[in-house]
Amino acid sequence: MQFQMQKLSAIIPCHNEEAMIEGCLQSVRFADEIMVVDSFSTDRTLEIARRYASCTLQHEYVNSAAQKNWAIPQAKHPWVLIVDSDERLTPELQQEIRQILEKPAYDGYWIRRRNYFLGKEIKHGAWNSDKVLRLFRRELGRYQSKHVHAEIELRGQAGWCREKLLHYSYRSLDDYLRKVGRYTSWGALNAQDKGSSGSAPQILGHAVWPFLKSYFLKRGFLDGTEGLIIALMEASSSFLKYAKLYEIQRANRTKKKQDEGEPGPSVQYKVDDGCKP
C-alpha cells in the first residue's frame, strides 16, 4: 500500500547571515516550500535567500520564540521544519525526513545536533547532549513564551530522528561576545519569570557548577582547548545571567521603596528586547 508523502515547509529565520545562510538553504532544497523570515538584514542575506526561497518575509525581531511563532502559521504545508542559518541538514537527515513524511508515526520529532566550535566538532561537554524539536505538524507546535532558549511545546507525541543536524555555533570568540550580552539579559528575565533568586550563593553556584559539569562530569577535557573554552563560556554565561537577575531584582526593590516613600539610590536597568540576533 502506498502512502502519499506529507508536504513540508522549511522555515529559516535570519538576520545579517550572508556568510552562513546559503549552505543552510542548500540543505533544505528537498522541502516543498522554503520560507525565509528576515528581521530586516542590512547585508546580502535577502539577495542570497531569494535564489532558493519560495517566499521571503520580513518581520521585526523581538526574540527567537516570538519570531518563529509568527512564522509558523505563515507556512503553507501541514509539516514544518525550522532550521537556523548556522545549521545544516546532512543528506542522511534529509532522506530520513522524507521517509518519516511518507507515514509519520508521531506529531513531531526531536533531532540531535553535532556542534562545531572554532571549526572543530565538539563530542563531549555540555554541548554533547544538545537536541532540538524542529520537525512537527504545523497546527500542533508553538514555542514557549520565553525570552531565550525556548523549545517547542507539542500538543501530541514526539519521536526521534536517528540522524543529526549540523550546528556551526559561535564561529569565533568575538561572535560569542557579541551574543552573550543579550542572551544573558534575556536569560535573567526568564529566571525572574520563574521566581529564581539572584542572591550571592546563587550567583556563585551558577558560576562554578556549569564549569565542573561541562569540563569534568561530561568530560569536556577530551575536546582539548576547545572543551576548556566552552566550559568557561558556560560558566561565564551562567554567572552573567544570575548577576543580571540580581541587578533587576535590586532595581525592583529600590523602586518599590521609592514608591512607598523611602529614599534609596537611583538605579536604572533596561533590557532592550528589540535587539536583533
Protein backbone atom coordinates (compact mmCIF):
# COMPACT_ATOMS: atom_id res chain seq x y z
CA MET A 1 0.00 0.00 0.00
CA GLN A 2 1.42 3.37 -1.00
CA PHE A 3 1.15 6.44 1.21
CA GLN A 4 1.21 9.99 -0.08
CA MET A 5 4.15 11.88 1.37
CA GLN A 6 3.14 14.73 3.65
CA LYS A 7 4.24 18.12 2.31
CA LEU A 8 6.89 20.11 4.19
CA SER A 9 7.60 23.80 4.72
CA ALA A 10 11.14 24.70 5.81
CA ILE A 11 11.32 27.95 7.81
CA ILE A 12 14.65 29.77 8.07
CA PRO A 13 14.71 32.79 10.42
CA CYS A 14 17.67 35.09 9.80
CA HIS A 15 19.33 38.46 10.26
CA ASN A 16 22.60 39.52 8.62
CA GLU A 17 23.65 35.94 7.84
CA GLU A 18 25.21 36.41 4.39
CA ALA A 19 28.19 34.28 5.42
CA MET A 20 26.10 31.30 6.56
CA ILE A 21 22.64 31.23 5.03
CA GLU A 22 23.46 29.77 1.60
CA GLY A 23 24.69 26.47 2.99
CA CYS A 24 21.59 26.24 5.14
CA LEU A 25 19.27 26.90 2.19
CA GLN A 26 21.04 24.36 0.00
CA SER A 27 20.47 21.71 2.67
CA VAL A 28 16.67 22.22 2.73
CA ARG A 29 16.06 22.25 -1.04
CA PHE A 30 14.18 18.94 -0.74
CA ALA A 31 11.34 20.76 1.12
CA ASP A 32 8.14 21.62 -0.78
CA GLU A 33 8.37 25.22 0.44
CA ILE A 34 11.34 27.25 1.68
CA MET A 35 10.23 30.26 3.66
CA VAL A 36 12.85 32.78 4.80
CA VAL A 37 11.81 35.10 7.63
CA ASP A 38 14.25 38.01 7.77
CA SER A 39 14.41 40.63 10.51
CA PHE A 40 15.47 43.47 8.19
CA SER A 41 19.01 42.44 7.31
CA THR A 42 21.36 45.14 6.08
CA ASP A 43 23.79 42.82 4.28
CA ARG A 44 23.29 40.43 1.31
CA THR A 45 21.19 37.92 3.25
CA LEU A 46 17.97 38.60 1.34
CA GLU A 47 19.74 38.67 -2.03
CA ILE A 48 21.11 35.19 -1.35
CA ALA A 49 17.86 33.92 0.15
CA ARG A 50 15.81 34.84 -2.92
CA ARG A 51 17.87 32.43 -5.05
CA TYR A 52 16.45 29.49 -3.08
CA ALA A 53 13.35 30.58 -1.18
CA SER A 54 9.77 30.04 -2.31
CA CYS A 55 8.94 33.21 -0.37
CA THR A 56 10.77 35.76 1.75
CA LEU A 57 9.08 37.65 4.56
CA GLN A 58 10.34 40.44 6.81
CA HIS A 59 9.22 40.85 10.40
CA GLU A 60 10.56 42.87 13.31
CA TYR A 61 12.59 40.73 15.72
CA VAL A 62 11.62 40.73 19.37
CA ASN A 63 13.05 37.36 20.40
CA SER A 64 13.56 33.98 18.78
CA ALA A 65 10.37 32.38 20.09
CA ALA A 66 8.15 35.30 19.05
CA GLN A 67 9.72 35.40 15.58
CA LYS A 68 9.24 31.70 14.97
CA ASN A 69 5.71 31.69 16.40
CA TRP A 70 4.83 34.46 13.97
CA ALA A 71 6.34 32.50 11.08
CA ILE A 72 4.81 29.05 11.72
CA PRO A 73 1.21 29.96 10.74
CA GLN A 74 2.52 31.54 7.51
CA ALA A 75 3.72 28.14 6.29
CA LYS A 76 1.65 26.54 3.50
CA HIS A 77 2.11 22.89 4.32
CA PRO A 78 1.00 20.65 7.22
CA TRP A 79 4.53 19.80 8.36
CA VAL A 80 7.12 22.37 9.39
CA LEU A 81 10.91 22.12 9.68
CA ILE A 82 12.67 25.04 11.39
CA VAL A 83 16.35 25.47 10.62
CA ASP A 84 18.62 28.31 11.76
CA SER A 85 21.13 29.85 9.36
CA ASP A 86 24.06 28.26 11.20
CA GLU A 87 22.61 24.76 10.82
CA ARG A 88 22.83 22.21 8.00
CA LEU A 89 20.91 19.04 7.20
CA THR A 90 23.11 16.18 6.08
CA PRO A 91 21.96 14.10 3.07
CA GLU A 92 21.23 11.28 5.53
CA LEU A 93 18.97 13.50 7.64
CA GLN A 94 17.21 14.77 4.53
CA GLN A 95 16.47 11.20 3.46
CA GLU A 96 15.27 10.24 6.95
CA ILE A 97 12.84 13.18 7.00
CA ARG A 98 11.50 12.13 3.59
CA GLN A 99 10.91 8.62 4.97
CA ILE A 100 9.19 9.99 8.08
CA LEU A 101 6.83 12.10 5.98
CA GLU A 102 5.73 9.07 3.96
CA LYS A 103 3.97 7.74 7.06
CA PRO A 104 4.55 9.84 10.22
CA ALA A 105 4.32 7.83 13.42
CA TYR A 106 4.44 10.91 15.68
CA ASP A 107 3.32 14.54 15.66
CA GLY A 108 6.85 15.88 15.97
CA TYR A 109 10.47 14.75 16.05
CA TRP A 110 13.48 15.61 18.16
CA ILE A 111 16.78 15.99 16.31
CA ARG A 112 20.16 15.72 17.99
CA ARG A 113 22.83 18.18 16.91
CA ARG A 114 26.51 17.80 16.09
CA ASN A 115 28.04 21.04 17.32
CA TYR A 116 31.13 22.71 15.89
CA PHE A 117 33.22 25.39 17.60
CA LEU A 118 36.18 27.18 16.03
CA GLY A 119 35.97 24.66 13.17
CA LYS A 120 36.15 21.57 15.40
CA GLU A 121 33.38 19.09 16.17
CA ILE A 122 32.64 19.04 19.89
CA LYS A 123 31.98 15.50 21.08
CA HIS A 124 31.89 15.95 24.85
CA GLY A 125 30.97 18.52 27.48
CA ALA A 126 27.71 20.42 27.87
CA TRP A 127 27.10 20.56 24.13
CA ASN A 128 27.24 16.81 23.57
CA SER A 129 23.64 16.17 24.66
CA ASP A 130 22.20 19.02 22.55
CA LYS A 131 18.79 18.30 20.99
CA VAL A 132 16.04 20.37 19.37
CA LEU A 133 12.42 19.68 18.37
CA ARG A 134 12.28 21.16 14.86
CA LEU A 135 10.13 18.84 12.75
CA PHE A 136 6.43 18.89 13.67
CA ARG A 137 2.86 19.26 12.48
CA ARG A 138 2.24 22.96 11.86
CA GLU A 139 -1.01 23.11 13.83
CA LEU A 140 0.33 21.26 16.87
CA GLY A 141 3.55 23.09 17.75
CA ARG A 142 4.39 26.54 19.11
CA TYR A 143 7.40 27.86 21.00
CA GLN A 144 7.26 28.51 24.73
CA SER A 145 6.72 32.12 25.75
CA LYS A 146 10.31 32.65 26.88
CA HIS A 147 12.80 35.41 26.20
CA VAL A 148 15.55 33.00 25.11
CA HIS A 149 16.21 29.23 24.77
CA ALA A 150 12.53 28.46 24.17
CA GLU A 151 11.58 24.99 22.93
CA ILE A 152 8.56 23.76 21.02
CA GLU A 153 5.53 22.81 23.09
CA LEU A 154 3.92 20.00 21.11
CA ARG A 155 0.27 19.06 21.53
CA GLY A 156 0.98 15.47 20.67
CA GLN A 157 3.62 12.75 20.88
CA ALA A 158 7.21 13.24 19.77
CA GLY A 159 9.63 10.72 18.31
CA TRP A 160 13.33 10.92 17.48
CA CYS A 161 15.34 11.22 14.28
CA ARG A 162 18.33 8.91 14.08
CA GLU A 163 20.48 11.28 12.04
CA LYS A 164 21.90 14.51 13.44
CA LEU A 165 21.71 18.16 12.47
CA LEU A 166 25.00 20.00 11.94
CA HIS A 167 25.29 23.17 14.04
CA TYR A 168 28.10 25.65 13.43
CA SER A 169 27.70 27.60 16.63
CA TYR A 170 29.89 30.54 17.65
CA ARG A 171 32.32 30.88 14.78
CA SER A 172 34.78 32.94 16.84
CA LEU A 173 35.11 34.31 20.34
CA ASP A 174 34.09 37.71 19.00
CA ASP A 175 30.89 36.06 17.74
CA TYR A 176 30.27 34.68 21.24
CA LEU A 177 30.91 38.04 22.89
CA ARG A 178 28.52 39.81 20.51
CA LYS A 179 25.71 37.44 21.51
CA VAL A 180 26.34 36.74 25.19
CA GLY A 181 25.18 40.16 26.36
CA ARG A 182 21.64 39.89 25.03
CA TYR A 183 21.34 36.15 25.70
CA THR A 184 22.20 36.61 29.38
CA SER A 185 19.85 39.60 29.67
CA TRP A 186 17.02 37.50 28.25
CA GLY A 187 18.08 34.58 30.45
CA ALA A 188 17.84 36.82 33.52
CA LEU A 189 14.28 37.74 32.53
CA ASN A 190 13.45 34.03 32.12
CA ALA A 191 14.85 33.36 35.59
CA GLN A 192 12.82 36.23 37.05
CA ASP A 193 9.65 34.88 35.42
CA LYS A 194 10.34 31.51 37.11
CA GLY A 195 10.78 33.18 40.50
CA SER A 196 14.51 32.46 40.79
CA SER A 197 16.71 34.40 43.18
CA GLY A 198 19.74 36.49 42.23
CA SER A 199 21.37 36.05 45.62
CA ALA A 200 25.13 35.76 46.20
CA PRO A 201 25.00 31.94 46.73
CA GLN A 202 23.01 31.54 43.51
CA ILE A 203 25.45 33.70 41.55
CA LEU A 204 28.43 31.74 42.89
CA GLY A 205 26.83 28.34 42.39
CA HIS A 206 25.77 29.13 38.84
CA ALA A 207 29.27 30.33 38.04
CA VAL A 208 31.08 27.25 39.38
CA TRP A 209 28.70 24.35 38.65
CA PRO A 210 28.39 24.76 34.85
CA PHE A 211 32.18 24.62 34.52
CA LEU A 212 32.52 21.50 36.69
CA LYS A 213 29.63 19.82 34.90
CA SER A 214 30.83 20.57 31.36
CA TYR A 215 34.58 20.08 31.84
CA PHE A 216 34.72 17.18 34.30
CA LEU A 217 31.37 15.36 34.60
CA LYS A 218 30.66 15.50 30.86
CA ARG A 219 34.36 15.08 30.02
CA GLY A 220 34.77 18.31 28.10
CA PHE A 221 38.51 17.99 28.71
CA LEU A 222 38.55 15.32 25.98
CA ASP A 223 37.84 18.07 23.43
CA GLY A 224 41.14 19.76 24.30
CA THR A 225 41.49 23.52 24.43
CA GLU A 226 38.11 24.00 22.76
CA GLY A 227 36.50 21.95 25.54
CA LEU A 228 38.10 24.17 28.17
CA ILE A 229 36.98 27.35 26.42
CA ILE A 230 33.41 26.05 26.11
CA ALA A 231 33.27 25.09 29.81
CA LEU A 232 34.46 28.58 30.76
CA MET A 233 31.92 30.11 28.37
CA GLU A 234 29.16 28.08 30.00
CA ALA A 235 30.29 29.29 33.42
CA SER A 236 30.59 32.94 32.42
CA SER A 237 27.19 32.96 30.70
CA SER A 238 25.52 31.44 33.75
CA PHE A 239 27.31 33.88 36.06
CA LEU A 240 26.22 36.87 33.98
CA LYS A 241 22.61 35.66 33.85
CA TYR A 242 22.30 35.47 37.64
CA ALA A 243 24.30 38.64 38.21
CA LYS A 244 21.88 40.44 35.90
CA LEU A 245 18.97 38.83 37.73
CA TYR A 246 20.35 40.31 40.96
CA GLU A 247 20.63 43.70 39.27
CA ILE A 248 17.00 43.53 38.07
CA GLN A 249 15.71 42.45 41.47
CA ARG A 250 17.75 45.13 43.26
CA ALA A 251 16.35 47.77 40.93
CA ASN A 252 12.82 46.48 41.58
CA ARG A 253 13.34 46.61 45.35
CA THR A 254 14.68 50.15 45.12
CA LYS A 255 11.74 51.25 43.00
CA LYS A 256 9.29 49.70 45.47
CA LYS A 257 10.91 51.61 48.34
CA GLN A 258 10.77 54.83 46.39
CA ASP A 259 7.12 54.24 45.55
CA GLU A 260 6.45 53.72 49.24
CA GLY A 261 8.22 56.98 50.04
CA GLU A 262 11.52 55.56 51.30
CA PRO A 263 14.69 57.19 49.98
CA GLY A 264 17.03 54.98 48.03
CA PRO A 265 19.83 55.11 45.44
CA SER A 266 18.77 55.84 41.91
CA VAL A 267 19.24 52.64 39.89
CA GLN A 268 18.25 52.22 36.27
CA TYR A 269 18.14 48.95 34.35
CA LYS A 270 16.88 48.38 30.86
CA VAL A 271 16.77 45.27 28.69
CA ASP A 272 16.22 46.08 25.05
CA ASP A 273 14.02 43.28 23.79
CA GLY A 274 14.29 44.75 20.32
CA CYS A 275 17.89 43.63 19.89
CA LYS A 276 18.47 41.54 16.81
CA PRO A 277 20.45 38.31 16.70
